[in-house]
Amino acid sequence: MHDDGYFDERFASRYDEISSSMFDPAVLDPTVEFLAELSGGGKVLEFASGTGRVALPLSERVYSVSGVDISAAMTDRLKAKPGGENVDVTIGDFSSTRVEGEFSLVFLVFNTIMNLTSQDAQVACFQNAAEHLISGGHFVIEVSVPKLQRVPAGETYRTYRVEDSRMDFDEYSFADQGLISHHFMKVDDEWEKLSVPFRYVWPSELDLMARLAGLEIAGRWADWSREPFGDDSEKLIAAWRNA
């Protein structure tokens, strides 16, 4: 897991703007609805709670929401928003940090499982989630399906956004499932670069990690509206149940 350096004050101050599409009610409302329903209105824990995009609206629907996040700067943004005082956030690595209590739901969204850049860390994340769950509780992950078929033959780069003030491309290391996401943004007529490492992960690999943690698959979907997951799905929403 990388340290706070990738999500420092500079990044945190612009995160909501950079990720504005994820705050769109068409995206956010089904997410919150799905999680609230699966939690049964109980206690919920978000791994990587960030600036509160999901935690804050979800806190209005369930008994309580807690969070774990490695970035103090991102957490400060969450706490400054309306309702932020109602979300208890522990600063730490979500693959290993423990918080007090047991939860009916633990969730990790927006590809953040990939921020853990080794398979061991991703396995540890599942184990940590399982240790926080009550019997019958669920662990939910939202992650993009690897798009290796879109990488040109013989190449290791895939460009996915080119705009007047922004360009984004991914750099792949296939042997270790490594991925560096490069972002170039024009700010005050000057270009800024942010590069963040990830480890992409396959749906079947996630199921095996869950089994190692004592969890069983409860469902797979292509989106938060529970469309079936299939060969053409670009995203995976998966839930695993604690026995």
Protein backbone atom coordinates (compact mmCIF):
# COMPACT_ATOMS: atom_id res chain seq x y z
CA MET A 1 0.00 0.00 0.00
CA HIS A 2 1.45 3.37 -0.91
CA ASP A 3 1.66 6.07 1.73
CA ASP A 4 -0.17 9.37 2.07
CA GLY A 5 2.11 10.91 -0.55
CA TYR A 6 -0.27 10.09 -3.41
CA PHE A 7 -3.24 11.54 -1.55
CA ASP A 8 -1.63 14.54 0.07
CA GLU A 9 -3.13 18.00 0.59
CA ARG A 10 -2.61 19.02 -3.04
CA PHE A 11 -4.43 15.97 -4.34
CA ALA A 12 -7.14 16.04 -1.65
CA SER A 13 -7.99 19.66 -2.42
CA ARG A 14 -8.87 18.71 -5.99
CA TYR A 15 -10.16 15.17 -5.57
CA ASP A 16 -13.86 15.98 -5.67
CA GLU A 17 -13.37 18.03 -8.83
CA ILE A 18 -11.26 15.38 -10.55
CA SER A 19 -13.80 12.69 -9.64
CA SER A 20 -16.89 14.84 -10.21
CA SER A 21 -18.59 12.24 -12.41
CA MET A 22 -18.66 9.83 -9.46
CA PHE A 23 -20.68 12.36 -7.43
CA ASP A 24 -23.41 12.49 -10.08
CA PRO A 25 -26.68 11.31 -8.47
CA ALA A 26 -27.13 8.88 -11.36
CA VAL A 27 -23.94 7.16 -10.18
CA LEU A 28 -24.06 7.78 -6.44
CA ASP A 29 -27.72 7.14 -5.62
CA PRO A 30 -27.76 3.49 -6.82
CA THR A 31 -24.50 2.90 -4.95
CA VAL A 32 -25.93 4.15 -1.67
CA GLU A 33 -29.23 2.33 -2.22
CA PHE A 34 -27.45 -0.99 -2.84
CA LEU A 35 -25.20 -0.68 0.20
CA ALA A 36 -27.96 0.50 2.54
CA GLU A 37 -30.17 -2.41 1.54
CA LEU A 38 -27.43 -5.02 1.89
CA SER A 39 -26.40 -3.68 5.31
CA GLY A 40 -29.90 -4.13 6.69
CA GLY A 41 -29.55 -0.66 8.22
CA GLY A 42 -26.84 -1.85 10.60
CA LYS A 43 -23.29 -0.74 11.31
CA VAL A 44 -21.18 -0.16 8.19
CA LEU A 45 -17.43 0.17 7.65
CA GLU A 46 -15.92 1.72 4.52
CA PHE A 47 -12.35 0.89 3.58
CA ALA A 48 -10.82 4.00 1.92
CA SER A 49 -13.53 6.45 2.96
CA GLY A 50 -11.74 9.34 1.24
CA THR A 51 -13.61 12.65 1.17
CA GLY A 52 -16.90 10.98 2.08
CA ARG A 53 -18.47 10.58 -1.36
CA VAL A 54 -20.30 7.41 -0.26
CA ALA A 55 -19.90 7.43 3.52
CA LEU A 56 -21.75 10.69 4.08
CA PRO A 57 -24.99 9.96 2.19
CA LEU A 58 -24.92 6.36 3.43
CA SER A 59 -24.69 7.56 7.04
CA GLU A 60 -28.20 8.99 6.64
CA ARG A 61 -29.56 5.55 5.75
CA VAL A 62 -27.95 3.18 8.27
CA TYR A 63 -27.27 2.92 12.00
CA SER A 64 -23.70 4.17 11.68
CA VAL A 65 -20.81 4.47 9.21
CA SER A 66 -17.14 4.23 10.15
CA GLY A 67 -14.17 4.53 7.84
CA VAL A 68 -10.52 3.64 7.42
CA ASP A 69 -8.35 5.82 5.21
CA ILE A 70 -4.62 6.30 4.83
CA SER A 71 -4.90 10.00 4.00
CA ALA A 72 -5.35 12.57 6.74
CA ALA A 73 -5.84 15.25 4.08
CA MET A 74 -8.71 13.36 2.42
CA THR A 75 -10.25 12.67 5.82
CA ASP A 76 -10.08 16.36 6.72
CA ARG A 77 -12.22 17.06 3.64
CA LEU A 78 -14.77 14.48 4.78
CA LYS A 79 -14.92 15.93 8.28
CA ALA A 80 -15.44 19.47 6.95
CA LYS A 81 -18.59 18.49 5.03
CA PRO A 82 -22.12 18.49 6.50
CA GLY A 83 -22.56 15.30 8.50
CA GLY A 84 -18.83 14.65 8.65
CA GLU A 85 -18.94 14.62 12.43
CA ASN A 86 -21.12 11.50 12.24
CA VAL A 87 -18.52 9.38 10.43
CA ASP A 88 -15.74 8.05 12.65
CA VAL A 89 -12.57 7.63 10.56
CA THR A 90 -9.40 5.79 11.61
CA ILE A 91 -6.21 6.78 9.78
CA GLY A 92 -4.43 3.70 8.53
CA ASP A 93 -3.90 1.07 5.83
CA PHE A 94 -7.23 -0.62 5.18
CA SER A 95 -5.53 -3.96 4.47
CA SER A 96 -4.47 -4.25 8.10
CA THR A 97 -5.95 -1.51 10.30
CA ARG A 98 -8.52 -2.72 12.82
CA VAL A 99 -11.31 -0.60 14.22
CA GLU A 100 -13.47 -1.34 17.23
CA GLY A 101 -16.69 -3.27 16.80
CA GLU A 102 -18.31 -5.62 14.30
CA PHE A 103 -20.21 -4.61 11.18
CA SER A 104 -23.02 -5.91 9.01
CA LEU A 105 -21.27 -4.51 5.93
CA VAL A 106 -17.70 -3.67 4.93
CA PHE A 107 -17.23 -2.12 1.49
CA LEU A 108 -14.46 -0.91 -0.80
CA VAL A 109 -15.45 0.97 -3.97
CA PHE A 110 -14.14 2.84 -7.02
CA ASN A 111 -11.32 0.39 -7.88
CA THR A 112 -9.54 0.98 -4.57
CA ILE A 113 -8.68 -2.70 -4.08
CA MET A 114 -6.16 -2.00 -6.87
CA ASN A 115 -4.40 0.60 -4.70
CA LEU A 116 -2.97 -2.40 -2.87
CA THR A 117 -0.08 -3.13 -5.19
CA SER A 118 0.71 -6.72 -4.20
CA GLN A 119 -1.37 -9.87 -4.13
CA ASP A 120 -0.42 -10.42 -0.48
CA ALA A 121 -1.85 -7.02 0.47
CA GLN A 122 -5.06 -7.71 -1.43
CA VAL A 123 -5.43 -11.08 0.32
CA ALA A 124 -4.81 -9.34 3.66
CA CYS A 125 -7.58 -6.85 2.83
CA PHE A 126 -10.11 -9.66 2.51
CA GLN A 127 -8.94 -11.17 5.79
CA ASN A 128 -9.23 -7.80 7.50
CA ALA A 129 -12.74 -7.31 6.12
CA ALA A 130 -13.80 -10.77 7.30
CA GLU A 131 -12.50 -10.07 10.81
CA HIS A 132 -14.73 -6.99 11.02
CA LEU A 133 -17.93 -8.74 9.91
CA ILE A 134 -20.72 -10.19 11.99
CA SER A 135 -21.97 -13.64 11.05
CA GLY A 136 -24.02 -13.19 7.90
CA GLY A 137 -22.41 -9.83 7.15
CA HIS A 138 -21.14 -8.89 3.69
CA PHE A 139 -17.98 -7.56 2.09
CA VAL A 140 -18.58 -5.61 -1.14
CA ILE A 141 -16.06 -4.51 -3.75
CA GLU A 142 -16.51 -2.34 -6.84
CA VAL A 143 -13.68 -2.72 -9.38
CA SER A 144 -13.11 -2.36 -13.10
CA VAL A 145 -12.59 -5.50 -15.12
CA PRO A 146 -9.06 -5.44 -16.60
CA LYS A 147 -9.21 -4.11 -20.14
CA LEU A 148 -6.17 -5.89 -21.52
CA GLN A 149 -7.93 -6.55 -24.84
CA ARG A 150 -7.88 -2.79 -25.43
CA VAL A 151 -4.11 -2.54 -25.14
CA PRO A 152 -2.65 -2.48 -28.69
CA ALA A 153 -0.77 -5.65 -29.62
CA GLY A 154 2.86 -5.43 -28.58
CA GLU A 155 2.25 -2.28 -26.53
CA THR A 156 2.12 -1.66 -22.77
CA TYR A 157 0.17 1.64 -22.80
CA ARG A 158 -3.52 2.41 -23.19
CA THR A 159 -4.74 6.00 -23.55
CA TYR A 160 -8.30 6.46 -22.38
CA ARG A 161 -8.81 10.23 -22.17
CA VAL A 162 -7.51 13.09 -24.30
CA GLU A 163 -8.97 16.55 -23.71
CA ASP A 164 -7.73 20.12 -24.04
CA SER A 165 -6.86 20.30 -20.35
CA ARG A 166 -6.44 16.64 -19.42
CA MET A 167 -4.86 13.41 -20.64
CA ASP A 168 -4.93 10.02 -18.95
CA PHE A 169 -3.24 6.76 -19.87
CA ASP A 170 -2.38 3.46 -18.21
CA GLU A 171 0.99 1.71 -18.31
CA TYR A 172 0.87 -2.07 -17.84
CA SER A 173 3.33 -4.61 -16.47
CA PHE A 174 1.64 -7.86 -17.42
CA ALA A 175 3.88 -10.31 -15.56
CA ASP A 176 2.96 -8.98 -12.12
CA GLN A 177 -0.44 -7.47 -13.00
CA GLY A 178 1.05 -4.05 -12.39
CA LEU A 179 -0.53 -0.86 -13.66
CA ILE A 180 0.58 2.76 -13.36
CA SER A 181 -2.14 5.28 -14.12
CA HIS A 182 -0.68 8.53 -15.45
CA HIS A 183 -2.72 11.73 -15.27
CA PHE A 184 -1.76 15.03 -16.88
CA MET A 185 -3.89 18.02 -15.90
CA LYS A 186 -3.59 21.63 -17.03
CA VAL A 187 -3.84 23.98 -14.06
CA ASP A 188 -3.34 27.74 -14.46
CA ASP A 189 -1.89 27.17 -17.94
CA GLU A 190 0.70 24.72 -16.63
CA TRP A 191 0.64 20.94 -16.91
CA GLU A 192 0.77 18.86 -13.73
CA LYS A 193 1.44 15.13 -13.63
CA LEU A 194 0.23 12.53 -11.16
CA SER A 195 1.21 8.87 -11.51
CA VAL A 196 -0.30 6.27 -9.20
CA PRO A 197 0.60 2.55 -9.07
CA PHE A 198 -2.06 -0.17 -8.96
CA ARG A 199 -2.38 -3.92 -9.21
CA TYR A 200 -5.25 -5.02 -11.42
CA VAL A 201 -7.19 -8.07 -10.30
CA TRP A 202 -9.46 -10.63 -11.96
CA PRO A 203 -12.97 -11.56 -10.72
CA SER A 204 -12.00 -15.21 -10.17
CA GLU A 205 -8.95 -14.08 -8.21
CA LEU A 206 -11.16 -12.01 -5.91
CA ASP A 207 -13.38 -15.04 -5.28
CA LEU A 208 -10.33 -17.08 -4.26
CA MET A 209 -9.16 -14.31 -1.91
CA ALA A 210 -12.61 -14.35 -0.35
CA ARG A 211 -12.49 -18.13 0.13
CA LEU A 212 -9.11 -17.84 1.84
CA ALA A 213 -10.73 -15.38 4.27
CA GLY A 214 -13.65 -17.71 4.96
CA LEU A 215 -16.17 -15.76 2.88
CA GLU A 216 -18.60 -17.17 0.32
CA ILE A 217 -19.85 -15.53 -2.83
CA ALA A 218 -23.26 -13.90 -2.42
CA GLY A 219 -23.60 -12.26 -5.81
CA ARG A 220 -21.93 -10.65 -8.84
CA TRP A 221 -23.33 -7.76 -10.83
CA ALA A 222 -22.25 -5.44 -13.63
CA ASP A 223 -23.45 -2.31 -11.83
CA TRP A 224 -25.17 -1.06 -8.69
CA SER A 225 -28.59 -1.61 -10.26
CA ARG A 226 -27.85 -5.36 -10.19
CA GLU A 227 -27.54 -5.89 -13.93
CA PRO A 228 -26.10 -9.39 -14.49
CA PHE A 229 -22.32 -9.68 -14.73
CA GLY A 230 -21.15 -11.14 -18.03
CA ASP A 231 -18.47 -11.30 -20.70
CA ASP A 232 -19.03 -7.69 -21.81
CA SER A 233 -19.17 -6.16 -18.32
CA GLU A 234 -16.68 -3.36 -17.76
CA LYS A 235 -17.18 -3.27 -14.00
CA LEU A 236 -17.72 -5.82 -11.25
CA ILE A 237 -19.81 -5.35 -8.14
CA ALA A 238 -19.30 -8.42 -5.95
CA ALA A 239 -20.55 -9.35 -2.50
CA TRP A 240 -19.22 -12.11 -0.27
CA ARG A 241 -20.94 -13.35 2.89
CA ASN A 242 -19.37 -14.18 6.22
CA ALA A 243 -20.60 -17.61 7.29
